[in-house]
Amino acid sequence: MTAYDHVLKGLEHHRHSGITCEEAEEALENFEKAIEIDPNYIRAHAWRACPLSGNVSWKPDKYSENRLDDCTASAKKASGNRS
């Protein structure tokens, strides 16, 4: 699959991420796979921030520690600000 395909798949799971924890985690995994394939894919970074911030509701022990830093890093990458 291409990075674009993973973003589309991630978006589908993201639409259901408020329904189950599995959907939320699947969304995050797909956005991260897209970034692995294409580290400069801005949309993948932008969308990655969404489940990072939302998954803490499902699994606070797993996602809360660096959640804000990870979300901020994704948003900065998406905006072109890498500092």
N, C-alpha and C. Protein backbone atom coordinates (compact mmCIF):
# COMPACT_ATOMS: atom_id res chain seq x y z
N MET A 1 0.83 -1.18 0.00
CA MET A 1 0.00 0.00 0.00
C MET A 1 0.88 1.25 0.00
N THR A 2 0.36 2.29 -0.58
CA THR A 2 1.08 3.56 -0.60
C THR A 2 0.72 4.38 0.63
N ALA A 3 1.48 5.42 0.86
CA ALA A 3 1.20 6.32 1.97
C ALA A 3 -0.22 6.89 1.85
N TYR A 4 -0.60 7.25 0.65
CA TYR A 4 -1.94 7.78 0.40
C TYR A 4 -3.02 6.77 0.81
N ASP A 5 -2.81 5.50 0.45
CA ASP A 5 -3.77 4.45 0.80
C ASP A 5 -3.90 4.31 2.32
N HIS A 6 -2.77 4.41 3.01
CA HIS A 6 -2.82 4.30 4.47
C HIS A 6 -3.56 5.49 5.09
N VAL A 7 -3.39 6.67 4.52
CA VAL A 7 -4.13 7.82 5.03
C VAL A 7 -5.63 7.63 4.81
N LEU A 8 -6.01 7.14 3.64
CA LEU A 8 -7.44 6.90 3.39
C LEU A 8 -8.00 5.86 4.36
N LYS A 9 -7.24 4.80 4.58
CA LYS A 9 -7.67 3.76 5.51
C LYS A 9 -7.73 4.32 6.93
N GLY A 10 -6.74 5.12 7.29
CA GLY A 10 -6.74 5.75 8.60
C GLY A 10 -7.93 6.67 8.81
N LEU A 11 -8.31 7.40 7.77
CA LEU A 11 -9.47 8.28 7.87
C LEU A 11 -10.75 7.50 8.10
N GLU A 12 -10.87 6.36 7.44
CA GLU A 12 -12.06 5.52 7.64
C GLU A 12 -12.14 5.06 9.10
N HIS A 13 -11.02 4.62 9.64
CA HIS A 13 -11.02 4.20 11.04
C HIS A 13 -11.23 5.39 11.97
N HIS A 14 -10.66 6.52 11.61
CA HIS A 14 -10.81 7.73 12.44
C HIS A 14 -12.27 8.15 12.56
N ARG A 15 -13.03 7.96 11.51
CA ARG A 15 -14.46 8.31 11.54
C ARG A 15 -15.21 7.49 12.60
N HIS A 16 -14.68 6.32 12.92
CA HIS A 16 -15.32 5.45 13.92
C HIS A 16 -14.54 5.42 15.24
N SER A 17 -13.56 6.29 15.37
CA SER A 17 -12.67 6.23 16.53
C SER A 17 -13.36 6.61 17.84
N GLY A 18 -14.49 7.26 17.75
CA GLY A 18 -15.25 7.57 18.97
C GLY A 18 -16.13 6.41 19.40
N ILE A 19 -16.19 5.37 18.58
CA ILE A 19 -17.07 4.24 18.86
C ILE A 19 -16.32 3.12 19.59
N THR A 20 -15.12 2.79 19.12
CA THR A 20 -14.34 1.74 19.77
C THR A 20 -12.87 2.12 19.85
N CYS A 21 -12.23 1.57 20.84
CA CYS A 21 -10.80 1.78 21.03
C CYS A 21 -10.01 1.19 19.86
N GLU A 22 -10.47 0.05 19.35
CA GLU A 22 -9.78 -0.61 18.24
C GLU A 22 -9.75 0.28 17.00
N GLU A 23 -10.84 0.96 16.72
CA GLU A 23 -10.89 1.86 15.56
C GLU A 23 -9.91 3.02 15.75
N ALA A 24 -9.86 3.55 16.96
CA ALA A 24 -8.95 4.66 17.26
C ALA A 24 -7.49 4.24 17.08
N GLU A 25 -7.16 3.07 17.57
CA GLU A 25 -5.78 2.61 17.43
C GLU A 25 -5.45 2.26 15.99
N GLU A 26 -6.41 1.72 15.27
CA GLU A 26 -6.20 1.39 13.85
C GLU A 26 -5.96 2.66 13.04
N ALA A 27 -6.68 3.73 13.35
CA ALA A 27 -6.47 5.01 12.67
C ALA A 27 -5.04 5.48 12.88
N LEU A 28 -4.60 5.48 14.13
CA LEU A 28 -3.25 5.93 14.44
C LEU A 28 -2.21 5.08 13.73
N GLU A 29 -2.39 3.77 13.75
CA GLU A 29 -1.44 2.87 13.09
C GLU A 29 -1.33 3.16 11.59
N ASN A 30 -2.45 3.43 10.95
CA ASN A 30 -2.40 3.71 9.51
C ASN A 30 -1.73 5.03 9.20
N PHE A 31 -1.99 6.05 10.00
CA PHE A 31 -1.32 7.33 9.77
C PHE A 31 0.18 7.18 10.00
N GLU A 32 0.57 6.39 10.99
CA GLU A 32 1.99 6.18 11.24
C GLU A 32 2.65 5.35 10.13
N LYS A 33 1.92 4.40 9.56
CA LYS A 33 2.45 3.63 8.43
C LYS A 33 2.67 4.54 7.23
N ALA A 34 1.74 5.47 7.01
CA ALA A 34 1.89 6.42 5.92
C ALA A 34 3.14 7.26 6.10
N ILE A 35 3.40 7.66 7.33
CA ILE A 35 4.59 8.47 7.63
C ILE A 35 5.86 7.64 7.44
N GLU A 36 5.82 6.37 7.78
CA GLU A 36 6.98 5.50 7.56
C GLU A 36 7.31 5.42 6.07
N ILE A 37 6.27 5.31 5.24
CA ILE A 37 6.46 5.21 3.80
C ILE A 37 6.96 6.53 3.23
N ASP A 38 6.34 7.63 3.68
CA ASP A 38 6.71 8.96 3.18
C ASP A 38 6.79 9.93 4.36
N PRO A 39 7.96 10.09 4.93
CA PRO A 39 8.13 10.95 6.11
C PRO A 39 7.74 12.42 5.87
N ASN A 40 7.64 12.83 4.63
CA ASN A 40 7.28 14.22 4.33
C ASN A 40 5.82 14.40 3.93
N TYR A 41 5.02 13.37 4.14
CA TYR A 41 3.60 13.44 3.76
C TYR A 41 2.85 14.24 4.82
N ILE A 42 2.61 15.49 4.50
CA ILE A 42 2.04 16.46 5.43
C ILE A 42 0.68 16.01 5.98
N ARG A 43 -0.19 15.51 5.13
CA ARG A 43 -1.52 15.10 5.60
C ARG A 43 -1.45 13.96 6.61
N ALA A 44 -0.52 13.05 6.43
CA ALA A 44 -0.38 11.95 7.39
C ALA A 44 0.01 12.50 8.76
N HIS A 45 0.90 13.48 8.78
CA HIS A 45 1.30 14.10 10.05
C HIS A 45 0.13 14.85 10.67
N ALA A 46 -0.60 15.56 9.86
CA ALA A 46 -1.75 16.33 10.37
C ALA A 46 -2.80 15.40 10.96
N TRP A 47 -3.14 14.35 10.25
CA TRP A 47 -4.16 13.42 10.74
C TRP A 47 -3.67 12.60 11.91
N ARG A 48 -2.38 12.33 11.99
CA ARG A 48 -1.83 11.56 13.12
C ARG A 48 -2.11 12.26 14.45
N ALA A 49 -2.09 13.58 14.45
CA ALA A 49 -2.33 14.33 15.69
C ALA A 49 -3.73 14.08 16.26
N CYS A 50 -4.70 13.81 15.41
CA CYS A 50 -6.07 13.60 15.88
C CYS A 50 -6.22 12.36 16.76
N PRO A 51 -5.85 11.18 16.28
CA PRO A 51 -5.99 10.03 17.16
C PRO A 51 -5.02 10.05 18.34
N LEU A 52 -3.89 10.72 18.19
CA LEU A 52 -2.99 10.85 19.33
C LEU A 52 -3.68 11.58 20.48
N SER A 53 -4.42 12.60 20.15
CA SER A 53 -5.11 13.35 21.20
C SER A 53 -6.35 12.62 21.69
N GLY A 54 -7.00 11.87 20.81
CA GLY A 54 -8.23 11.17 21.20
C GLY A 54 -8.02 9.85 21.89
N ASN A 55 -6.94 9.15 21.56
CA ASN A 55 -6.72 7.81 22.12
C ASN A 55 -6.49 7.82 23.62
N VAL A 56 -6.12 8.96 24.16
CA VAL A 56 -5.91 9.05 25.60
C VAL A 56 -7.22 8.79 26.35
N SER A 57 -8.35 9.05 25.71
CA SER A 57 -9.64 8.76 26.34
C SER A 57 -9.86 7.26 26.49
N TRP A 58 -9.37 6.51 25.51
CA TRP A 58 -9.54 5.06 25.54
C TRP A 58 -8.52 4.38 26.45
N LYS A 59 -7.27 4.78 26.33
CA LYS A 59 -6.20 4.13 27.09
C LYS A 59 -5.26 5.19 27.67
N PRO A 60 -5.69 5.83 28.76
CA PRO A 60 -4.86 6.91 29.31
C PRO A 60 -3.47 6.46 29.75
N ASP A 61 -3.35 5.23 30.23
CA ASP A 61 -2.03 4.75 30.67
C ASP A 61 -1.06 4.61 29.50
N LYS A 62 -1.58 4.26 28.35
CA LYS A 62 -0.73 4.03 27.18
C LYS A 62 -0.39 5.32 26.45
N TYR A 63 -1.33 6.26 26.40
CA TYR A 63 -1.15 7.43 25.52
C TYR A 63 -0.91 8.76 26.23
N SER A 64 -1.06 8.85 27.52
CA SER A 64 -1.02 10.17 28.14
C SER A 64 0.37 10.74 28.35
N GLU A 65 1.39 9.90 28.49
CA GLU A 65 2.71 10.40 28.90
C GLU A 65 3.29 11.45 27.94
N ASN A 66 3.38 11.14 26.67
CA ASN A 66 3.98 12.08 25.71
C ASN A 66 2.97 12.58 24.69
N ARG A 67 1.71 12.45 24.99
CA ARG A 67 0.67 12.77 24.03
C ARG A 67 0.76 14.21 23.52
N LEU A 68 0.90 15.16 24.40
CA LEU A 68 0.94 16.56 23.97
C LEU A 68 2.17 16.83 23.11
N ASP A 69 3.31 16.30 23.50
CA ASP A 69 4.54 16.49 22.72
C ASP A 69 4.39 15.85 21.33
N ASP A 70 3.84 14.63 21.29
CA ASP A 70 3.65 13.94 20.01
C ASP A 70 2.66 14.68 19.11
N CYS A 71 1.57 15.16 19.70
CA CYS A 71 0.58 15.92 18.91
C CYS A 71 1.20 17.20 18.36
N THR A 72 1.92 17.90 19.20
CA THR A 72 2.56 19.15 18.79
C THR A 72 3.58 18.89 17.68
N ALA A 73 4.35 17.83 17.81
CA ALA A 73 5.35 17.51 16.78
C ALA A 73 4.68 17.21 15.45
N SER A 74 3.58 16.45 15.48
CA SER A 74 2.86 16.15 14.24
C SER A 74 2.27 17.40 13.62
N ALA A 75 1.68 18.24 14.44
CA ALA A 75 1.08 19.48 13.93
C ALA A 75 2.14 20.40 13.33
N LYS A 76 3.28 20.50 13.99
CA LYS A 76 4.37 21.34 13.47
C LYS A 76 4.89 20.80 12.15
N LYS A 77 5.05 19.50 12.09
CA LYS A 77 5.52 18.87 10.83
C LYS A 77 4.52 19.13 9.71
N ALA A 78 3.25 19.02 10.04
CA ALA A 78 2.21 19.24 9.04
C ALA A 78 2.17 20.69 8.56
N SER A 79 2.49 21.61 9.46
CA SER A 79 2.45 23.03 9.08
C SER A 79 3.74 23.49 8.42
N GLY A 80 4.72 22.60 8.38
CA GLY A 80 5.99 22.98 7.78
C GLY A 80 6.98 23.55 8.78
N ASN A 81 6.55 23.69 10.03
CA ASN A 81 7.41 24.19 11.10
C ASN A 81 8.06 23.01 11.79
N ARG A 82 9.32 22.81 11.58
CA ARG A 82 10.00 21.64 12.12
C ARG A 82 10.79 21.94 13.38
N SER A 83 10.64 23.14 13.93
CA SER A 83 11.39 23.49 15.16
C SER A 83 10.64 23.06 16.39
